[in-house]
Amino acid sequence: MRLGEVPADATVHRGAAELLFEDDRVRATLLWVYDSGRFRGIVAGVANRSDQEIASVDPSRFQAEDLVLAGARETLVSPGKSTRLYLVFSRR
């Protein structure tokens, strides 16, 4: 997902920038959903809403029973900039 490559057995759907989370520091929106028989991957855009402070994105704070991988392009996001968050869930 990070490289934009699509596994042979997966389909990719563009998110409509649906709001996933928002507070006074960051805003996360849905960018892409990767679906296959084995997993569902989510790519979210995370924007730093501050014009002065660096925002921290800590993928290790995400927890779910089926979550098998969480990562971010950058974990420190400069004011007014954005990064991508990657979440992969197993399909049981």
PDB file of N, CA and C in Angstrom:
ATOM      1  N   MET A   1       0.826  -1.189   0.000  1.00  0.00           N
ATOM      2  CA  MET A   1       0.000   0.000   0.000  1.00  0.00           C
ATOM      3  C   MET A   1       0.872   1.255   0.000  1.00  0.00           C
ATOM      4  N   ARG A   2       1.919   1.225   0.780  1.00  0.00           N
ATOM      5  CA  ARG A   2       2.784   2.399   0.876  1.00  0.00           C
ATOM      6  C   ARG A   2       3.401   2.742  -0.474  1.00  0.00           C
ATOM      7  N   LEU A   3       3.693   1.720  -1.271  1.00  0.00           N
ATOM      8  CA  LEU A   3       4.304   1.935  -2.577  1.00  0.00           C
ATOM      9  C   LEU A   3       3.281   2.102  -3.695  1.00  0.00           C
ATOM     10  N   GLY A   4       1.999   1.944  -3.370  1.00  0.00           N
ATOM     11  CA  GLY A   4       0.952   2.065  -4.375  1.00  0.00           C
ATOM     12  C   GLY A   4       0.775   0.819  -5.213  1.00  0.00           C
ATOM     13  N   GLU A   5       1.408  -0.274  -4.822  1.00  0.00           N
ATOM     14  CA  GLU A   5       1.282  -1.524  -5.557  1.00  0.00           C
ATOM     15  C   GLU A   5       0.039  -2.282  -5.083  1.00  0.00           C
ATOM     16  N   VAL A   6      -0.615  -2.959  -6.010  1.00  0.00           N
ATOM     17  CA  VAL A   6      -1.841  -3.698  -5.684  1.00  0.00           C
ATOM     18  C   VAL A   6      -1.576  -5.186  -5.881  1.00  0.00           C
ATOM     19  N   PRO A   7      -1.734  -5.992  -4.818  1.00  0.00           N
ATOM     20  CA  PRO A   7      -1.577  -7.440  -4.972  1.00  0.00           C
ATOM     21  C   PRO A   7      -2.556  -7.973  -6.017  1.00  0.00           C
ATOM     22  N   ALA A   8      -2.186  -9.061  -6.681  1.00  0.00           N
ATOM     23  CA  ALA A   8      -2.993  -9.617  -7.775  1.00  0.00           C
ATOM     24  C   ALA A   8      -4.410  -9.969  -7.344  1.00  0.00           C
ATOM     25  N   ASP A   9      -4.587 -10.391  -6.101  1.00  0.00           N
ATOM     26  CA  ASP A   9      -5.912 -10.811  -5.639  1.00  0.00           C
ATOM     27  C   ASP A   9      -6.687  -9.690  -4.936  1.00  0.00           C
ATOM     28  N   ALA A  10      -6.224  -8.456  -5.053  1.00  0.00           N
ATOM     29  CA  ALA A  10      -6.861  -7.343  -4.334  1.00  0.00           C
ATOM     30  C   ALA A  10      -7.506  -6.342  -5.289  1.00  0.00           C
ATOM     31  N   THR A  11      -8.483  -5.644  -4.758  1.00  0.00           N
ATOM     32  CA  THR A  11      -9.073  -4.508  -5.454  1.00  0.00           C
ATOM     33  C   THR A  11      -8.857  -3.271  -4.589  1.00  0.00           C
ATOM     34  N   VAL A  12      -8.816  -2.133  -5.233  1.00  0.00           N
ATOM     35  CA  VAL A  12      -8.592  -0.881  -4.514  1.00  0.00           C
ATOM     36  C   VAL A  12      -9.739   0.067  -4.817  1.00  0.00           C
ATOM     37  N   HIS A  13     -10.243   0.682  -3.766  1.00  0.00           N
ATOM     38  CA  HIS A  13     -11.336   1.646  -3.907  1.00  0.00           C
ATOM     39  C   HIS A  13     -10.868   2.981  -3.340  1.00  0.00           C
ATOM     40  N   ARG A  14     -11.126   4.023  -4.085  1.00  0.00           N
ATOM     41  CA  ARG A  14     -10.782   5.365  -3.610  1.00  0.00           C
ATOM     42  C   ARG A  14     -11.784   5.782  -2.541  1.00  0.00           C
ATOM     43  N   GLY A  15     -11.264   6.273  -1.447  1.00  0.00           N
ATOM     44  CA  GLY A  15     -12.130   6.839  -0.420  1.00  0.00           C
ATOM     45  C   GLY A  15     -12.623   8.193  -0.891  1.00  0.00           C
ATOM     46  N   ALA A  16     -13.728   8.612  -0.378  1.00  0.00           N
ATOM     47  CA  ALA A  16     -14.290   9.910  -0.762  1.00  0.00           C
ATOM     48  C   ALA A  16     -13.928  10.965   0.275  1.00  0.00           C
ATOM     49  N   ALA A  17     -12.725  10.801   0.856  1.00  0.00           N
ATOM     50  CA  ALA A  17     -12.235  11.715   1.892  1.00  0.00           C
ATOM     51  C   ALA A  17     -13.178  11.760   3.091  1.00  0.00           C
ATOM     52  N   GLU A  18     -13.813  10.606   3.363  1.00  0.00           N
ATOM     53  CA  GLU A  18     -14.679  10.541   4.538  1.00  0.00           C
ATOM     54  C   GLU A  18     -13.869  10.832   5.791  1.00  0.00           C
ATOM     55  N   LEU A  19     -14.449  11.577   6.674  1.00  0.00           N
ATOM     56  CA  LEU A  19     -13.791  11.936   7.922  1.00  0.00           C
ATOM     57  C   LEU A  19     -13.734  10.716   8.840  1.00  0.00           C
ATOM     58  N   LEU A  20     -12.527  10.341   9.262  1.00  0.00           N
ATOM     59  CA  LEU A  20     -12.340   9.228  10.189  1.00  0.00           C
ATOM     60  C   LEU A  20     -12.152   9.713  11.615  1.00  0.00           C
ATOM     61  N   PHE A  21     -11.464  10.842  11.754  1.00  0.00           N
ATOM     62  CA  PHE A  21     -11.186  11.396  13.081  1.00  0.00           C
ATOM     63  C   PHE A  21     -10.815  12.861  12.918  1.00  0.00           C
ATOM     64  N   GLU A  22     -11.212  13.648  13.917  1.00  0.00           N
ATOM     65  CA  GLU A  22     -10.823  15.057  13.899  1.00  0.00           C
ATOM     66  C   GLU A  22     -10.825  15.592  15.316  1.00  0.00           C
ATOM     67  N   ASP A  23      -9.787  16.327  15.642  1.00  0.00           N
ATOM     68  CA  ASP A  23      -9.779  17.097  16.875  1.00  0.00           C
ATOM     69  C   ASP A  23      -9.075  18.415  16.571  1.00  0.00           C
ATOM     70  N   ASP A  24      -8.701  19.150  17.602  1.00  0.00           N
ATOM     71  CA  ASP A  24      -8.100  20.464  17.351  1.00  0.00           C
ATOM     72  C   ASP A  24      -6.683  20.388  16.795  1.00  0.00           C
ATOM     73  N   ARG A  25      -6.037  19.189  16.814  1.00  0.00           N
ATOM     74  CA  ARG A  25      -4.653  19.056  16.339  1.00  0.00           C
ATOM     75  C   ARG A  25      -4.533  18.372  14.983  1.00  0.00           C
ATOM     76  N   VAL A  26      -5.313  17.310  14.761  1.00  0.00           N
ATOM     77  CA  VAL A  26      -5.192  16.546  13.513  1.00  0.00           C
ATOM     78  C   VAL A  26      -6.562  16.241  12.914  1.00  0.00           C
ATOM     79  N   ARG A  27      -6.523  15.930  11.622  1.00  0.00           N
ATOM     80  CA  ARG A  27      -7.735  15.512  10.892  1.00  0.00           C
ATOM     81  C   ARG A  27      -7.331  14.316  10.039  1.00  0.00           C
ATOM     82  N   ALA A  28      -8.064  13.208  10.162  1.00  0.00           N
ATOM     83  CA  ALA A  28      -7.776  11.994   9.386  1.00  0.00           C
ATOM     84  C   ALA A  28      -8.948  11.709   8.455  1.00  0.00           C
ATOM     85  N   THR A  29      -8.620  11.484   7.178  1.00  0.00           N
ATOM     86  CA  THR A  29      -9.638  11.179   6.181  1.00  0.00           C
ATOM     87  C   THR A  29      -9.260   9.916   5.415  1.00  0.00           C
ATOM     88  N   LEU A  30     -10.274   9.207   4.933  1.00  0.00           N
ATOM     89  CA  LEU A  30     -10.076   7.967   4.193  1.00  0.00           C
ATOM     90  C   LEU A  30      -9.635   8.276   2.765  1.00  0.00           C
ATOM     91  N   LEU A  31      -8.490   7.702   2.363  1.00  0.00           N
ATOM     92  CA  LEU A  31      -7.989   7.906   1.003  1.00  0.00           C
ATOM     93  C   LEU A  31      -8.213   6.682   0.121  1.00  0.00           C
ATOM     94  N   TRP A  32      -7.837   5.486   0.610  1.00  0.00           N
ATOM     95  CA  TRP A  32      -7.922   4.253  -0.169  1.00  0.00           C
ATOM     96  C   TRP A  32      -8.300   3.082   0.720  1.00  0.00           C
ATOM     97  N   VAL A  33      -9.008   2.107   0.125  1.00  0.00           N
ATOM     98  CA  VAL A  33      -9.295   0.836   0.794  1.00  0.00           C
ATOM     99  C   VAL A  33      -8.853  -0.282  -0.140  1.00  0.00           C
ATOM    100  N   TYR A  34      -7.979  -1.142   0.360  1.00  0.00           N
ATOM    101  CA  TYR A  34      -7.506  -2.319  -0.368  1.00  0.00           C
ATOM    102  C   TYR A  34      -8.268  -3.517   0.178  1.00  0.00           C
ATOM    103  N   ASP A  35      -8.917  -4.293  -0.690  1.00  0.00           N
ATOM    104  CA  ASP A  35      -9.671  -5.474  -0.266  1.00  0.00           C
ATOM    105  C   ASP A  35      -9.159  -6.711  -0.977  1.00  0.00           C
ATOM    106  N   SER A  36      -8.980  -7.776  -0.216  1.00  0.00           N
ATOM    107  CA  SER A  36      -8.663  -9.090  -0.781  1.00  0.00           C
ATOM    108  C   SER A  36      -9.305 -10.137   0.120  1.00  0.00           C
ATOM    109  N   GLY A  37      -9.178 -11.391  -0.256  1.00  0.00           N
ATOM    110  CA  GLY A  37      -9.707 -12.455   0.576  1.00  0.00           C
ATOM    111  C   GLY A  37      -8.961 -12.607   1.888  1.00  0.00           C
ATOM    112  N   ARG A  38      -7.739 -12.092   1.938  1.00  0.00           N
ATOM    113  CA  ARG A  38      -6.899 -12.248   3.121  1.00  0.00           C
ATOM    114  C   ARG A  38      -6.867 -11.038   4.034  1.00  0.00           C
ATOM    115  N   PHE A  39      -7.061  -9.847   3.490  1.00  0.00           N
ATOM    116  CA  PHE A  39      -6.910  -8.650   4.310  1.00  0.00           C
ATOM    117  C   PHE A  39      -7.771  -7.503   3.796  1.00  0.00           C
ATOM    118  N   ARG A  40      -7.886  -6.491   4.629  1.00  0.00           N
ATOM    119  CA  ARG A  40      -8.439  -5.191   4.242  1.00  0.00           C
ATOM    120  C   ARG A  40      -7.426  -4.152   4.712  1.00  0.00           C
ATOM    121  N   GLY A  41      -6.970  -3.344   3.802  1.00  0.00           N
ATOM    122  CA  GLY A  41      -6.011  -2.298   4.123  1.00  0.00           C
ATOM    123  C   GLY A  41      -6.640  -0.932   3.964  1.00  0.00           C
ATOM    124  N   ILE A  42      -6.312  -0.061   4.877  1.00  0.00           N
ATOM    125  CA  ILE A  42      -6.845   1.300   4.852  1.00  0.00           C
ATOM    126  C   ILE A  42      -5.683   2.278   4.804  1.00  0.00           C
ATOM    127  N   VAL A  43      -5.778   3.232   3.886  1.00  0.00           N
ATOM    128  CA  VAL A  43      -4.812   4.322   3.810  1.00  0.00           C
ATOM    129  C   VAL A  43      -5.570   5.588   4.174  1.00  0.00           C
ATOM    130  N   ALA A  44      -5.100   6.253   5.214  1.00  0.00           N
ATOM    131  CA  ALA A  44      -5.738   7.488   5.669  1.00  0.00           C
ATOM    132  C   ALA A  44      -4.760   8.638   5.530  1.00  0.00           C
ATOM    133  N   GLY A  45      -5.267   9.778   5.181  1.00  0.00           N
ATOM    134  CA  GLY A  45      -4.475  11.004   5.189  1.00  0.00           C
ATOM    135  C   GLY A  45      -4.630  11.665   6.542  1.00  0.00           C
ATOM    136  N   VAL A  46      -3.522  12.005   7.170  1.00  0.00           N
ATOM    137  CA  VAL A  46      -3.549  12.649   8.487  1.00  0.00           C
ATOM    138  C   VAL A  46      -2.901  14.021   8.348  1.00  0.00           C
ATOM    139  N   ALA A  47      -3.692  15.058   8.552  1.00  0.00           N
ATOM    140  CA  ALA A  47      -3.216  16.434   8.395  1.00  0.00           C
ATOM    141  C   ALA A  47      -3.030  17.093   9.758  1.00  0.00           C
ATOM    142  N   ASN A  48      -1.925  17.794   9.897  1.00  0.00           N
ATOM    143  CA  ASN A  48      -1.673  18.587  11.088  1.00  0.00           C
ATOM    144  C   ASN A  48      -2.423  19.902  10.919  1.00  0.00           C
ATOM    145  N   ARG A  49      -3.372  20.157  11.783  1.00  0.00           N
ATOM    146  CA  ARG A  49      -4.199  21.356  11.675  1.00  0.00           C
ATOM    147  C   ARG A  49      -3.545  22.593  12.289  1.00  0.00           C
ATOM    148  N   SER A  50      -2.495  22.380  13.065  1.00  0.00           N
ATOM    149  CA  SER A  50      -1.819  23.494  13.720  1.00  0.00           C
ATOM    150  C   SER A  50      -0.958  24.260  12.721  1.00  0.00           C
ATOM    151  N   ASP A  51      -0.822  25.542  12.949  1.00  0.00           N
ATOM    152  CA  ASP A  51       0.089  26.327  12.116  1.00  0.00           C
ATOM    153  C   ASP A  51       1.392  26.625  12.860  1.00  0.00           C
ATOM    154  N   GLN A  52       1.549  26.016  14.075  1.00  0.00           N
ATOM    155  CA  GLN A  52       2.749  26.285  14.858  1.00  0.00           C
ATOM    156  C   GLN A  52       3.391  25.041  15.476  1.00  0.00           C
ATOM    157  N   GLU A  53       2.604  24.014  15.770  1.00  0.00           N
ATOM    158  CA  GLU A  53       3.129  22.862  16.503  1.00  0.00           C
ATOM    159  C   GLU A  53       3.244  21.631  15.624  1.00  0.00           C
ATOM    160  N   ILE A  54       4.266  20.827  15.895  1.00  0.00           N
ATOM    161  CA  ILE A  54       4.444  19.541  15.227  1.00  0.00           C
ATOM    162  C   ILE A  54       3.453  18.551  15.830  1.00  0.00           C
ATOM    163  N   ALA A  55       2.808  17.766  14.981  1.00  0.00           N
ATOM    164  CA  ALA A  55       1.882  16.728  15.437  1.00  0.00           C
ATOM    165  C   ALA A  55       2.591  15.370  15.405  1.00  0.00           C
ATOM    166  N   SER A  56       2.264  14.527  16.357  1.00  0.00           N
ATOM    167  CA  SER A  56       2.846  13.190  16.422  1.00  0.00           C
ATOM    168  C   SER A  56       1.792  12.159  16.014  1.00  0.00           C
ATOM    169  N   VAL A  57       2.183  11.256  15.115  1.00  0.00           N
ATOM    170  CA  VAL A  57       1.317  10.148  14.695  1.00  0.00           C
ATOM    171  C   VAL A  57       1.994   8.868  15.183  1.00  0.00           C
ATOM    172  N   ASP A  58       1.364   8.177  16.123  1.00  0.00           N
ATOM    173  CA  ASP A  58       1.956   6.982  16.726  1.00  0.00           C
ATOM    174  C   ASP A  58       1.134   5.753  16.336  1.00  0.00           C
ATOM    175  N   PRO A  59       1.552   5.028  15.288  1.00  0.00           N
ATOM    176  CA  PRO A  59       0.788   3.861  14.835  1.00  0.00           C
ATOM    177  C   PRO A  59       0.637   2.773  15.894  1.00  0.00           C
ATOM    178  N   SER A  60       1.550   2.707  16.852  1.00  0.00           N
ATOM    179  CA  SER A  60       1.467   1.662  17.878  1.00  0.00           C
ATOM    180  C   SER A  60       0.276   1.857  18.818  1.00  0.00           C
ATOM    181  N   ARG A  61      -0.345   3.014  18.795  1.00  0.00           N
ATOM    182  CA  ARG A  61      -1.510   3.266  19.651  1.00  0.00           C
ATOM    183  C   ARG A  61      -2.798   2.675  19.091  1.00  0.00           C
ATOM    184  N   PHE A  62      -2.773   2.256  17.823  1.00  0.00           N
ATOM    185  CA  PHE A  62      -3.961   1.660  17.216  1.00  0.00           C
ATOM    186  C   PHE A  62      -4.046   0.197  17.618  1.00  0.00           C
ATOM    187  N   GLN A  63      -5.216  -0.208  18.094  1.00  0.00           N
ATOM    188  CA  GLN A  63      -5.421  -1.588  18.514  1.00  0.00           C
ATOM    189  C   GLN A  63      -6.785  -2.070  18.061  1.00  0.00           C
ATOM    190  N   ALA A  64      -6.812  -3.286  17.554  1.00  0.00           N
ATOM    191  CA  ALA A  64      -8.059  -3.957  17.183  1.00  0.00           C
ATOM    192  C   ALA A  64      -7.742  -5.443  17.101  1.00  0.00           C
ATOM    193  N   GLU A  65      -8.730  -6.262  17.320  1.00  0.00           N
ATOM    194  CA  GLU A  65      -8.516  -7.713  17.328  1.00  0.00           C
ATOM    195  C   GLU A  65      -7.901  -8.206  16.021  1.00  0.00           C
ATOM    196  N   ASP A  66      -8.349  -7.678  14.897  1.00  0.00           N
ATOM    197  CA  ASP A  66      -7.878  -8.152  13.599  1.00  0.00           C
ATOM    198  C   ASP A  66      -6.782  -7.285  12.977  1.00  0.00           C
ATOM    199  N   LEU A  67      -6.328  -6.277  13.699  1.00  0.00           N
ATOM    200  CA  LEU A  67      -5.275  -5.400  13.178  1.00  0.00           C
ATOM    201  C   LEU A  67      -3.935  -6.138  13.207  1.00  0.00           C
ATOM    202  N   VAL A  68      -3.322  -6.275  12.028  1.00  0.00           N
ATOM    203  CA  VAL A  68      -2.053  -7.002  11.957  1.00  0.00           C
ATOM    204  C   VAL A  68      -0.867  -6.085  11.640  1.00  0.00           C
ATOM    205  N   LEU A  69      -1.136  -4.884  11.156  1.00  0.00           N
ATOM    206  CA  LEU A  69      -0.048  -3.969  10.842  1.00  0.00           C
ATOM    207  C   LEU A  69      -0.550  -2.535  10.897  1.00  0.00           C
ATOM    208  N   ALA A  70       0.249  -1.669  11.490  1.00  0.00           N
ATOM    209  CA  ALA A  70      -0.056  -0.236  11.515  1.00  0.00           C
ATOM    210  C   ALA A  70       1.247   0.506  11.276  1.00  0.00           C
ATOM    211  N   GLY A  71       1.217   1.474  10.386  1.00  0.00           N
ATOM    212  CA  GLY A  71       2.419   2.239  10.093  1.00  0.00           C
ATOM    213  C   GLY A  71       2.053   3.615   9.573  1.00  0.00           C
ATOM    214  N   ALA A  72       3.054   4.476   9.522  1.00  0.00           N
ATOM    215  CA  ALA A  72       2.848   5.833   9.016  1.00  0.00           C
ATOM    216  C   ALA A  72       4.041   6.224   8.162  1.00  0.00           C
ATOM    217  N   ARG A  73       3.787   7.042   7.165  1.00  0.00           N
ATOM    218  CA  ARG A  73       4.878   7.534   6.315  1.00  0.00           C
ATOM    219  C   ARG A  73       5.838   8.355   7.175  1.00  0.00           C
ATOM    220  N   GLU A  74       5.322   9.304   7.920  1.00  0.00           N
ATOM    221  CA  GLU A  74       6.106  10.082   8.878  1.00  0.00           C
ATOM    222  C   GLU A  74       5.374  10.045  10.211  1.00  0.00           C
ATOM    223  N   THR A  75       6.113   9.995  11.307  1.00  0.00           N
ATOM    224  CA  THR A  75       5.475  10.006  12.616  1.00  0.00           C
ATOM    225  C   THR A  75       5.431  11.407  13.225  1.00  0.00           C
ATOM    226  N   LEU A  76       6.234  12.311  12.694  1.00  0.00           N
ATOM    227  CA  LEU A  76       6.184  13.713  13.105  1.00  0.00           C
ATOM    228  C   LEU A  76       5.770  14.534  11.899  1.00  0.00           C
ATOM    229  N   VAL A  77       4.695  15.309  12.068  1.00  0.00           N
ATOM    230  CA  VAL A  77       4.123  16.056  10.948  1.00  0.00           C
ATOM    231  C   VAL A  77       4.250  17.553  11.238  1.00  0.00           C
ATOM    232  N   SER A  78       4.926  18.240  10.353  1.00  0.00           N
ATOM    233  CA  SER A  78       5.141  19.684  10.511  1.00  0.00           C
ATOM    234  C   SER A  78       3.821  20.448  10.437  1.00  0.00           C
ATOM    235  N   PRO A  79       3.784  21.638  11.011  1.00  0.00           N
ATOM    236  CA  PRO A  79       2.565  22.448  10.972  1.00  0.00           C
ATOM    237  C   PRO A  79       2.054  22.638   9.539  1.00  0.00           C
ATOM    238  N   GLY A  80       0.764  22.405   9.357  1.00  0.00           N
ATOM    239  CA  GLY A  80       0.131  22.595   8.061  1.00  0.00           C
ATOM    240  C   GLY A  80       0.415  21.508   7.035  1.00  0.00           C
ATOM    241  N   LYS A  81       1.180  20.490   7.396  1.00  0.00           N
ATOM    242  CA  LYS A  81       1.537  19.401   6.478  1.00  0.00           C
ATOM    243  C   LYS A  81       0.711  18.153   6.795  1.00  0.00           C
ATOM    244  N   SER A  82       0.910  17.095   5.996  1.00  0.00           N
ATOM    245  CA  SER A  82       0.164  15.863   6.222  1.00  0.00           C
ATOM    246  C   SER A  82       1.045  14.647   5.982  1.00  0.00           C
ATOM    247  N   THR A  83       0.569  13.500   6.411  1.00  0.00           N
ATOM    248  CA  THR A  83       1.234  12.226   6.210  1.00  0.00           C
ATOM    249  C   THR A  83       0.168  11.190   5.901  1.00  0.00           C
ATOM    250  N   ARG A  84       0.610   9.962   5.725  1.00  0.00           N
ATOM    251  CA  ARG A  84      -0.333   8.865   5.496  1.00  0.00           C
ATOM    252  C   ARG A  84      -0.188   7.831   6.593  1.00  0.00           C
ATOM    253  N   LEU A  85      -1.329   7.295   7.001  1.00  0.00           N
ATOM    254  CA  LEU A  85      -1.408   6.231   8.004  1.00  0.00           C
ATOM    255  C   LEU A  85      -1.896   4.972   7.303  1.00  0.00           C
ATOM    256  N   TYR A  86      -1.240   3.846   7.579  1.00  0.00           N
ATOM    257  CA  TYR A  86      -1.570   2.561   6.939  1.00  0.00           C
ATOM    258  C   TYR A  86      -2.018   1.580   8.006  1.00  0.00           C
ATOM    259  N   LEU A  87      -3.215   1.005   7.825  1.00  0.00           N
ATOM    260  CA  LEU A  87      -3.748  -0.006   8.738  1.00  0.00           C
ATOM    261  C   LEU A  87      -4.143  -1.230   7.931  1.00  0.00           C
ATOM    262  N   VAL A  88      -3.713  -2.412   8.368  1.00  0.00           N
ATOM    263  CA  VAL A  88      -4.042  -3.656   7.682  1.00  0.00           C
ATOM    264  C   VAL A  88      -4.735  -4.578   8.667  1.00  0.00           C
ATOM    265  N   PHE A  89      -5.894  -5.063   8.282  1.00  0.00           N
ATOM    266  CA  PHE A  89      -6.705  -5.954   9.107  1.00  0.00           C
ATOM    267  C   PHE A  89      -6.806  -7.320   8.430  1.00  0.00           C
ATOM    268  N   SER A  90      -6.700  -8.382   9.216  1.00  0.00           N
ATOM    269  CA  SER A  90      -6.860  -9.722   8.645  1.00  0.00           C
ATOM    270  C   SER A  90      -8.348 -10.035   8.488  1.00  0.00           C
ATOM    271  N   ARG A  91      -8.633 -10.891   7.539  1.00  0.00           N
ATOM    272  CA  ARG A  91     -10.013 -11.387   7.355  1.00  0.00           C
ATOM    273  C   ARG A  91     -10.018 -12.821   7.826  1.00  0.00           C
ATOM    274  N   ARG A  92     -10.805 -13.113   8.774  1.00  0.00           N
ATOM    275  CA  ARG A  92     -10.857 -14.474   9.342  1.00  0.00           C
ATOM    276  C   ARG A  92     -11.922 -15.293   8.703  1.00  0.00           C
TER     277      ARG A  92
END
